[in-house]
């Protein structure tokens, strides 16, 4: 097995394994195992890139198998996890996994 093949196997067997790190959620109406990294605080930017003191956004990183999620989401698109909405701020493909940084709806 090559190194890349081993990494691909580890996505489901280790990192997204419910006995290790993964948790089962309903993502875009489809059940899949994902990892949600806790809240990340991000200070809001005002016009011309200036930060607005005291205004923060709840952000999370979501790790998901690319084959389960589908196409890499575009910045600004929205996806659902269980009953909450997440707005994609950034998404990158790292091998067979997506790392999605998303703004969390305040109602979660």
C-alpha atoms as a PDB file:
ATOM      1  CA  UNK A   1       0.000   0.000   0.000  1.00  0.00           C
ATOM      2  CA  UNK A   2       1.340   3.434  -0.904  1.00  0.00           C
ATOM      3  CA  UNK A   3       1.431   6.308   1.558  1.00  0.00           C
ATOM      4  CA  UNK A   4      -1.473   8.075  -0.214  1.00  0.00           C
ATOM      5  CA  UNK A   5      -3.522   4.873  -0.163  1.00  0.00           C
ATOM      6  CA  UNK A   6      -2.820   4.511   3.558  1.00  0.00           C
ATOM      7  CA  UNK A   7      -3.933   8.096   4.219  1.00  0.00           C
ATOM      8  CA  UNK A   8      -7.150   7.502   2.273  1.00  0.00           C
ATOM      9  CA  UNK A   9      -7.823   4.348   4.297  1.00  0.00           C
ATOM     10  CA  UNK A  10      -7.187   6.223   7.555  1.00  0.00           C
ATOM     11  CA  UNK A  11      -9.881   8.808   6.773  1.00  0.00           C
ATOM     12  CA  UNK A  12     -12.670   6.316   7.473  1.00  0.00           C
ATOM     13  CA  UNK A  13     -10.816   3.782   9.586  1.00  0.00           C
ATOM     14  CA  UNK A  14      -9.357   6.226  12.104  1.00  0.00           C
ATOM     15  CA  UNK A  15     -10.246   9.905  11.875  1.00  0.00           C
ATOM     16  CA  UNK A  16     -13.901   9.571  10.863  1.00  0.00           C
ATOM     17  CA  UNK A  17     -14.408   6.319  12.770  1.00  0.00           C
ATOM     18  CA  UNK A  18     -17.246   6.774  15.319  1.00  0.00           C
ATOM     19  CA  UNK A  19     -15.226   4.750  17.841  1.00  0.00           C
ATOM     20  CA  UNK A  20     -12.388   7.263  17.544  1.00  0.00           C
ATOM     21  CA  UNK A  21     -13.254  10.865  16.548  1.00  0.00           C
ATOM     22  CA  UNK A  22     -16.243  10.748  14.185  1.00  0.00           C
ATOM     23  CA  UNK A  23     -19.891  11.362  14.989  1.00  0.00           C
ATOM     24  CA  UNK A  24     -22.936  10.504  12.910  1.00  0.00           C
ATOM     25  CA  UNK A  25     -24.946  13.541  11.772  1.00  0.00           C
ATOM     26  CA  UNK A  26     -27.459  14.360   9.064  1.00  0.00           C
ATOM     27  CA  UNK A  27     -25.607  16.561   6.565  1.00  0.00           C
ATOM     28  CA  UNK A  28     -27.678  17.972   3.703  1.00  0.00           C
ATOM     29  CA  UNK A  29     -30.372  15.368   4.419  1.00  0.00           C
ATOM     30  CA  UNK A  30     -27.871  12.491   4.239  1.00  0.00           C
ATOM     31  CA  UNK A  31     -26.516  10.544   7.217  1.00  0.00           C
ATOM     32  CA  UNK A  32     -22.714  10.583   7.386  1.00  0.00           C
ATOM     33  CA  UNK A  33     -19.873  10.482   9.866  1.00  0.00           C
ATOM     34  CA  UNK A  34     -18.124  13.822  10.388  1.00  0.00           C
ATOM     35  CA  UNK A  35     -15.931  15.578  12.923  1.00  0.00           C
ATOM     36  CA  UNK A  36     -16.985  19.018  14.128  1.00  0.00           C
ATOM     37  CA  UNK A  37     -14.199  21.009  15.731  1.00  0.00           C
ATOM     38  CA  UNK A  38     -15.470  23.246  18.541  1.00  0.00           C
ATOM     39  CA  UNK A  39     -16.288  26.891  18.243  1.00  0.00           C
ATOM     40  CA  UNK A  40     -13.731  29.257  16.792  1.00  0.00           C
ATOM     41  CA  UNK A  41     -14.270  32.950  17.479  1.00  0.00           C
ATOM     42  CA  UNK A  42     -13.707  35.260  14.561  1.00  0.00           C
ATOM     43  CA  UNK A  43     -13.887  39.022  14.866  1.00  0.00           C
ATOM     44  CA  UNK A  44     -16.163  40.661  12.280  1.00  0.00           C
ATOM     45  CA  UNK A  45     -14.576  42.919   9.714  1.00  0.00           C
ATOM     46  CA  UNK A  46     -16.101  46.234   8.817  1.00  0.00           C
ATOM     47  CA  UNK A  47     -15.603  48.157   5.595  1.00  0.00           C
ATOM     48  CA  UNK A  48     -12.101  48.346   4.100  1.00  0.00           C
ATOM     49  CA  UNK A  49     -10.984  45.371   6.225  1.00  0.00           C
ATOM     50  CA  UNK A  50     -11.318  47.184   9.558  1.00  0.00           C
ATOM     51  CA  UNK A  51     -12.294  45.083  12.544  1.00  0.00           C
ATOM     52  CA  UNK A  52     -15.415  45.978  14.495  1.00  0.00           C
ATOM     53  CA  UNK A  53     -14.642  45.770  18.212  1.00  0.00           C
ATOM     54  CA  UNK A  54     -16.784  43.331  20.144  1.00  0.00           C
ATOM     55  CA  UNK A  55     -18.544  41.713  17.173  1.00  0.00           C
ATOM     56  CA  UNK A  56     -17.702  38.054  16.807  1.00  0.00           C
ATOM     57  CA  UNK A  57     -18.953  35.194  14.665  1.00  0.00           C
ATOM     58  CA  UNK A  58     -19.275  31.569  15.767  1.00  0.00           C
ATOM     59  CA  UNK A  59     -17.157  29.478  13.439  1.00  0.00           C
ATOM     60  CA  UNK A  60     -16.558  25.732  13.302  1.00  0.00           C
ATOM     61  CA  UNK A  61     -14.360  23.453  11.278  1.00  0.00           C
ATOM     62  CA  UNK A  62     -16.137  20.457   9.821  1.00  0.00           C
ATOM     63  CA  UNK A  63     -14.149  17.461   8.600  1.00  0.00           C
ATOM     64  CA  UNK A  64     -15.941  15.122   6.206  1.00  0.00           C
ATOM     65  CA  UNK A  65     -15.047  12.441   3.673  1.00  0.00           C
ATOM     66  CA  UNK A  66     -15.124  13.964   0.192  1.00  0.00           C
ATOM     67  CA  UNK A  67     -16.941  10.921  -1.189  1.00  0.00           C
ATOM     68  CA  UNK A  68     -19.718  11.288   1.381  1.00  0.00           C
ATOM     69  CA  UNK A  69     -20.201  15.055   1.037  1.00  0.00           C
ATOM     70  CA  UNK A  70     -20.103  15.419  -2.744  1.00  0.00           C
ATOM     71  CA  UNK A  71     -18.511  18.337  -4.596  1.00  0.00           C
ATOM     72  CA  UNK A  72     -16.316  20.695  -2.584  1.00  0.00           C
ATOM     73  CA  UNK A  73     -18.643  23.476  -1.373  1.00  0.00           C
ATOM     74  CA  UNK A  74     -18.077  26.993  -2.633  1.00  0.00           C
ATOM     75  CA  UNK A  75     -17.431  29.949  -0.351  1.00  0.00           C
ATOM     76  CA  UNK A  76     -20.742  31.529   0.659  1.00  0.00           C
ATOM     77  CA  UNK A  77     -22.810  28.403   0.069  1.00  0.00           C
ATOM     78  CA  UNK A  78     -24.930  26.954   2.872  1.00  0.00           C
ATOM     79  CA  UNK A  79     -25.137  23.380   4.096  1.00  0.00           C
ATOM     80  CA  UNK A  80     -27.072  21.825   6.949  1.00  0.00           C
ATOM     81  CA  UNK A  81     -25.926  19.704   9.862  1.00  0.00           C
ATOM     82  CA  UNK A  82     -28.839  18.162  11.716  1.00  0.00           C
ATOM     83  CA  UNK A  83     -31.193  21.129  12.243  1.00  0.00           C
ATOM     84  CA  UNK A  84     -28.616  23.913  11.890  1.00  0.00           C
ATOM     85  CA  UNK A  85     -27.336  25.908   8.941  1.00  0.00           C
ATOM     86  CA  UNK A  86     -23.662  26.490   8.239  1.00  0.00           C
ATOM     87  CA  UNK A  87     -22.357  29.113   5.808  1.00  0.00           C
ATOM     88  CA  UNK A  88     -19.104  28.123   4.104  1.00  0.00           C
ATOM     89  CA  UNK A  89     -16.340  30.637   4.720  1.00  0.00           C
ATOM     90  CA  UNK A  90     -13.565  28.401   3.348  1.00  0.00           C
ATOM     91  CA  UNK A  91     -13.305  24.825   2.119  1.00  0.00           C
ATOM     92  CA  UNK A  92     -10.227  22.864   1.139  1.00  0.00           C
ATOM     93  CA  UNK A  93      -9.696  19.323  -0.059  1.00  0.00           C
ATOM     94  CA  UNK A  94      -6.976  17.523   1.856  1.00  0.00           C
ATOM     95  CA  UNK A  95      -6.658  14.197   0.136  1.00  0.00           C
ATOM     96  CA  UNK A  96      -9.938  12.331   0.484  1.00  0.00           C
ATOM     97  CA  UNK A  97     -11.241  14.689   3.162  1.00  0.00           C
ATOM     98  CA  UNK A  98     -12.723  18.175   3.124  1.00  0.00           C
ATOM     99  CA  UNK A  99     -11.949  20.710   5.820  1.00  0.00           C
ATOM    100  CA  UNK A 100     -14.781  23.239   5.825  1.00  0.00           C
ATOM    101  CA  UNK A 101     -14.604  26.401   7.905  1.00  0.00           C
ATOM    102  CA  UNK A 102     -18.162  27.556   8.410  1.00  0.00           C
ATOM    103  CA  UNK A 103     -20.106  30.287  10.151  1.00  0.00           C
ATOM    104  CA  UNK A 104     -22.712  28.810  12.474  1.00  0.00           C
ATOM    105  CA  UNK A 105     -26.277  30.087  12.627  1.00  0.00           C
ATOM    106  CA  UNK A 106     -26.880  31.648  16.074  1.00  0.00           C
ATOM    107  CA  UNK A 107     -29.970  29.507  16.633  1.00  0.00           C
ATOM    108  CA  UNK A 108     -27.868  26.354  17.149  1.00  0.00           C
END
